[in-house]
Amino acid sequence: MKFAAKNFILLYLFNTSNYLVLKKILPLFSYILHPIFISVYATLFYLFCKEDIFTNREKYYVLFQILIITVLVPVLFFLLLRSTGHIKSVMVPETSQRRIPLILQCFLYILLVKRSIIITRYPELHFFFLGALFSTILALVLSLFKIKASLHLLAISGLTVFIIGLNIHLQMQNPYWTALAVLLTGAVASSRLEMEAHTNKELLIGLLAGTLPQILFLYLWL
């Protein structure tokens, strides 16, 4: 009896410690997989999968463009908005505060698909950004109706569909990338719930807004 009680206490302490560690780790996914970095991750994966097609110089050139347009410009714009009081946090929790950044993001995606990531040279990546543009438009429209979608889940789910599609398109036959992408999507969803940033409904809306445009565009390049 004493042995069973001791085992129960040890098991309880082990589960409790694991839970506390998990609570500390989960929020990291919200920062590491912040929507602002998803375009860079998608580009890196694309260049990795098609490494034989592009020269190193072209790879650096493409990645440099993506870094400037999808990371540096939004960060500078965020600092400007925060200094003027239009945004309070990097997570942009208020629906009304999301509209200006989302409008900017739409213009940046349009710039990418029109000038940089053109369909004739980078067809798969072009359609990824086109899907991301439509997802951003959906999030913007929803915000106008005061409907909050998880931008984190919107971004990571779009990336997951892109990874699955590219895996099929290039006949990579590597299930590990798909498994990792799905796992990270779940980690981001858990992270947002743990941080009490979203409800289950908002996560579902973000998931649908991120996946549906990407799935629709898959038919154009698969």
Protein backbone atom coordinates (compact mmCIF):
# COMPACT_ATOMS: atom_id res chain seq x y z
CA MET A 1 0.00 0.00 0.00
CA LYS A 2 2.81 2.39 0.95
CA PHE A 3 4.68 1.44 -2.23
CA ALA A 4 1.62 2.22 -4.39
CA ALA A 5 1.11 5.56 -2.64
CA LYS A 6 4.76 6.46 -3.14
CA ASN A 7 4.54 5.61 -6.85
CA PHE A 8 1.41 7.71 -7.17
CA ILE A 9 3.12 10.71 -5.54
CA LEU A 10 6.19 10.33 -7.77
CA LEU A 11 3.98 10.07 -10.87
CA TYR A 12 2.02 13.15 -9.79
CA LEU A 13 5.19 15.16 -9.23
CA PHE A 14 6.60 14.01 -12.58
CA ASN A 15 3.44 15.00 -14.46
CA THR A 16 3.27 18.31 -12.60
CA SER A 17 6.87 19.18 -13.41
CA ASN A 18 6.33 18.23 -17.06
CA TYR A 19 3.24 20.42 -17.17
CA LEU A 20 5.12 23.39 -15.71
CA VAL A 21 7.95 22.94 -18.22
CA LEU A 22 5.41 22.71 -21.04
CA LYS A 23 3.73 25.91 -19.87
CA LYS A 24 7.07 27.70 -20.13
CA ILE A 25 7.95 26.23 -23.53
CA LEU A 26 4.62 26.65 -25.32
CA PRO A 27 4.67 30.50 -25.44
CA LEU A 28 7.99 30.32 -27.30
CA PHE A 29 6.17 28.91 -30.33
CA SER A 30 4.12 32.10 -30.58
CA TYR A 31 7.33 34.08 -31.02
CA ILE A 32 9.45 31.67 -33.06
CA LEU A 33 6.52 30.98 -35.41
CA HIS A 34 5.18 34.54 -35.41
CA PRO A 35 3.33 35.33 -38.69
CA ILE A 36 6.03 37.81 -39.65
CA PHE A 37 8.59 34.98 -39.99
CA ILE A 38 6.44 32.49 -41.90
CA SER A 39 7.30 33.91 -45.33
CA VAL A 40 11.00 33.46 -44.58
CA TYR A 41 10.44 29.87 -43.46
CA ALA A 42 8.42 29.11 -46.59
CA THR A 43 11.13 30.61 -48.80
CA LEU A 44 13.89 28.68 -47.05
CA PHE A 45 11.97 25.43 -47.46
CA TYR A 46 11.28 26.19 -51.13
CA LEU A 47 14.93 26.99 -51.89
CA PHE A 48 16.04 23.91 -49.98
CA CYS A 49 13.71 21.66 -51.98
CA LYS A 50 14.78 23.18 -55.32
CA GLU A 51 18.44 23.75 -54.50
CA ASP A 52 19.67 22.33 -57.82
CA ILE A 53 17.66 24.81 -59.90
CA PHE A 54 18.94 28.09 -58.48
CA THR A 55 22.46 29.37 -58.01
CA ASN A 56 23.61 30.38 -54.54
CA ARG A 57 23.66 34.00 -55.62
CA GLU A 58 20.03 33.84 -56.72
CA LYS A 59 19.03 32.09 -53.49
CA TYR A 60 20.61 34.85 -51.40
CA TYR A 61 18.99 37.48 -53.59
CA VAL A 62 15.51 35.96 -53.18
CA LEU A 63 15.93 35.47 -49.44
CA PHE A 64 17.23 39.02 -49.04
CA GLN A 65 14.15 40.39 -50.78
CA ILE A 66 11.82 38.34 -48.60
CA LEU A 67 13.61 39.47 -45.44
CA ILE A 68 13.30 43.14 -46.38
CA ILE A 69 9.72 43.07 -47.65
CA THR A 70 8.10 40.68 -45.16
CA VAL A 71 10.19 41.24 -42.02
CA LEU A 72 12.13 44.51 -42.00
CA VAL A 73 9.40 46.75 -43.47
CA PRO A 74 6.63 45.40 -41.17
CA VAL A 75 8.90 45.70 -38.11
CA LEU A 76 9.71 49.33 -38.91
CA PHE A 77 6.04 50.02 -39.58
CA PHE A 78 5.10 48.34 -36.29
CA LEU A 79 7.56 50.55 -34.39
CA LEU A 80 6.00 53.59 -36.03
CA LEU A 81 2.47 52.48 -35.13
CA ARG A 82 3.46 51.69 -31.56
CA SER A 83 5.15 55.05 -31.14
CA THR A 84 1.95 56.76 -32.28
CA GLY A 85 -0.23 54.60 -30.03
CA HIS A 86 -2.03 52.70 -32.80
CA ILE A 87 -0.62 49.34 -31.64
CA LYS A 88 0.21 48.29 -28.08
CA SER A 89 1.72 44.84 -28.51
CA VAL A 90 3.63 42.82 -31.09
CA MET A 91 0.83 40.22 -30.88
CA VAL A 92 -1.78 42.85 -31.88
CA PRO A 93 -4.55 41.47 -29.62
CA GLU A 94 -7.23 44.03 -30.53
CA THR A 95 -9.17 43.50 -33.76
CA SER A 96 -9.33 47.21 -34.50
CA GLN A 97 -5.53 47.50 -34.26
CA ARG A 98 -5.02 44.83 -36.90
CA ARG A 99 -6.52 46.66 -39.85
CA ILE A 100 -3.64 48.97 -40.73
CA PRO A 101 -0.96 46.21 -40.45
CA LEU A 102 -3.14 43.85 -42.51
CA ILE A 103 -3.60 46.48 -45.23
CA LEU A 104 0.16 47.01 -45.32
CA GLN A 105 0.70 43.25 -45.51
CA CYS A 106 -1.64 43.03 -48.50
CA PHE A 107 0.35 45.67 -50.37
CA LEU A 108 3.63 43.92 -49.55
CA TYR A 109 2.32 40.58 -50.85
CA ILE A 110 1.10 42.28 -54.02
CA LEU A 111 4.55 43.79 -54.47
CA LEU A 112 6.12 40.35 -54.07
CA VAL A 113 3.92 38.51 -56.57
CA LYS A 114 4.06 41.37 -59.08
CA ARG A 115 7.73 42.29 -58.97
CA SER A 116 9.87 39.74 -57.13
CA ILE A 117 8.41 36.25 -56.84
CA ILE A 118 7.06 36.04 -60.37
CA ILE A 119 5.16 33.03 -61.66
CA THR A 120 7.51 32.31 -64.56
CA ARG A 121 10.55 31.86 -62.31
CA TYR A 122 9.17 30.77 -58.94
CA PRO A 123 5.71 29.30 -59.68
CA GLU A 124 5.18 27.34 -56.45
CA LEU A 125 6.40 30.15 -54.19
CA HIS A 126 4.40 32.65 -56.25
CA PHE A 127 1.16 30.80 -55.53
CA PHE A 128 2.08 30.47 -51.85
CA PHE A 129 2.32 34.24 -51.55
CA LEU A 130 -0.83 34.63 -53.61
CA GLY A 131 -2.60 32.33 -51.16
CA ALA A 132 -1.12 34.30 -48.25
CA LEU A 133 -2.46 37.49 -49.85
CA PHE A 134 -5.99 36.09 -50.03
CA SER A 135 -5.71 34.82 -46.44
CA THR A 136 -4.67 38.30 -45.31
CA ILE A 137 -7.60 39.84 -47.19
CA LEU A 138 -9.93 37.39 -45.44
CA ALA A 139 -8.48 38.35 -42.05
CA LEU A 140 -8.90 42.03 -42.95
CA VAL A 141 -12.54 41.57 -43.99
CA LEU A 142 -13.24 39.61 -40.82
CA SER A 143 -11.69 42.38 -38.72
CA LEU A 144 -14.05 44.90 -40.32
CA PHE A 145 -16.91 42.82 -38.94
CA LYS A 146 -15.11 42.64 -35.57
CA ILE A 147 -14.42 38.92 -36.02
CA LYS A 148 -11.05 37.95 -34.63
CA ALA A 149 -9.05 35.25 -36.40
CA SER A 150 -5.80 33.82 -35.11
CA LEU A 151 -3.14 35.27 -37.39
CA HIS A 152 -0.63 32.83 -35.96
CA LEU A 153 -2.71 29.83 -36.99
CA LEU A 154 -3.58 31.47 -40.30
CA ALA A 155 0.11 31.78 -41.14
CA ILE A 156 1.37 28.40 -39.89
CA SER A 157 -1.54 26.47 -41.44
CA GLY A 158 -0.87 28.13 -44.80
CA LEU A 159 2.76 27.10 -44.51
CA THR A 160 1.71 23.55 -43.65
CA VAL A 161 -0.43 23.27 -46.79
CA PHE A 162 2.45 24.67 -48.85
CA ILE A 163 4.88 22.11 -47.41
CA ILE A 164 2.46 19.25 -48.09
CA GLY A 165 1.80 20.51 -51.64
CA LEU A 166 5.50 20.96 -52.44
CA ASN A 167 6.22 17.51 -51.04
CA ILE A 168 3.66 16.02 -53.44
CA HIS A 169 4.60 18.23 -56.39
CA LEU A 170 8.30 17.41 -56.24
CA GLN A 171 7.62 13.78 -55.34
CA MET A 172 9.92 14.05 -52.36
CA GLN A 173 8.23 11.13 -50.59
CA ASN A 174 9.39 12.50 -47.27
CA PRO A 175 6.63 12.27 -44.61
CA TYR A 176 8.79 13.88 -41.95
CA TRP A 177 8.34 17.42 -43.29
CA THR A 178 4.55 17.00 -43.30
CA ALA A 179 4.57 15.49 -39.81
CA LEU A 180 6.76 18.33 -38.51
CA ALA A 181 4.53 20.99 -40.08
CA VAL A 182 1.37 19.46 -38.58
CA LEU A 183 3.09 19.12 -35.21
CA LEU A 184 4.17 22.78 -35.27
CA THR A 185 0.64 23.85 -36.20
CA GLY A 186 -0.65 22.04 -33.13
CA ALA A 187 2.09 23.59 -31.00
CA VAL A 188 1.16 27.09 -32.17
CA ALA A 189 -2.53 26.45 -31.46
CA SER A 190 -1.68 25.15 -27.97
CA SER A 191 0.60 28.14 -27.43
CA ARG A 192 -2.14 30.63 -28.27
CA LEU A 193 -4.55 28.85 -25.94
CA GLU A 194 -1.97 28.70 -23.16
CA MET A 195 -1.33 32.44 -23.51
CA GLU A 196 -5.12 33.01 -23.51
CA ALA A 197 -4.71 35.00 -26.71
CA HIS A 198 -7.52 33.21 -28.57
CA THR A 199 -10.57 31.06 -28.13
CA ASN A 200 -11.09 27.75 -29.92
CA LYS A 201 -13.42 29.52 -32.35
CA GLU A 202 -10.80 32.13 -33.24
CA LEU A 203 -8.21 29.40 -33.81
CA LEU A 204 -10.62 27.54 -36.10
CA ILE A 205 -11.34 30.72 -38.09
CA GLY A 206 -7.60 31.33 -38.46
CA LEU A 207 -7.05 27.73 -39.54
CA LEU A 208 -9.74 27.95 -42.23
CA ALA A 209 -8.58 31.37 -43.43
CA GLY A 210 -5.03 30.08 -43.77
CA THR A 211 -5.69 26.71 -45.40
CA LEU A 212 -8.57 27.34 -47.81
CA PRO A 213 -6.80 29.85 -50.13
CA GLN A 214 -3.67 27.68 -50.21
CA ILE A 215 -5.72 24.58 -51.03
CA LEU A 216 -7.55 26.41 -53.82
CA PHE A 217 -4.27 27.56 -55.38
CA LEU A 218 -2.81 24.06 -55.12
CA TYR A 219 -4.88 23.12 -58.17
CA LEU A 220 -2.97 25.68 -60.23
CA TRP A 221 0.50 24.29 -59.58
CA LEU A 222 0.23 20.70 -58.42
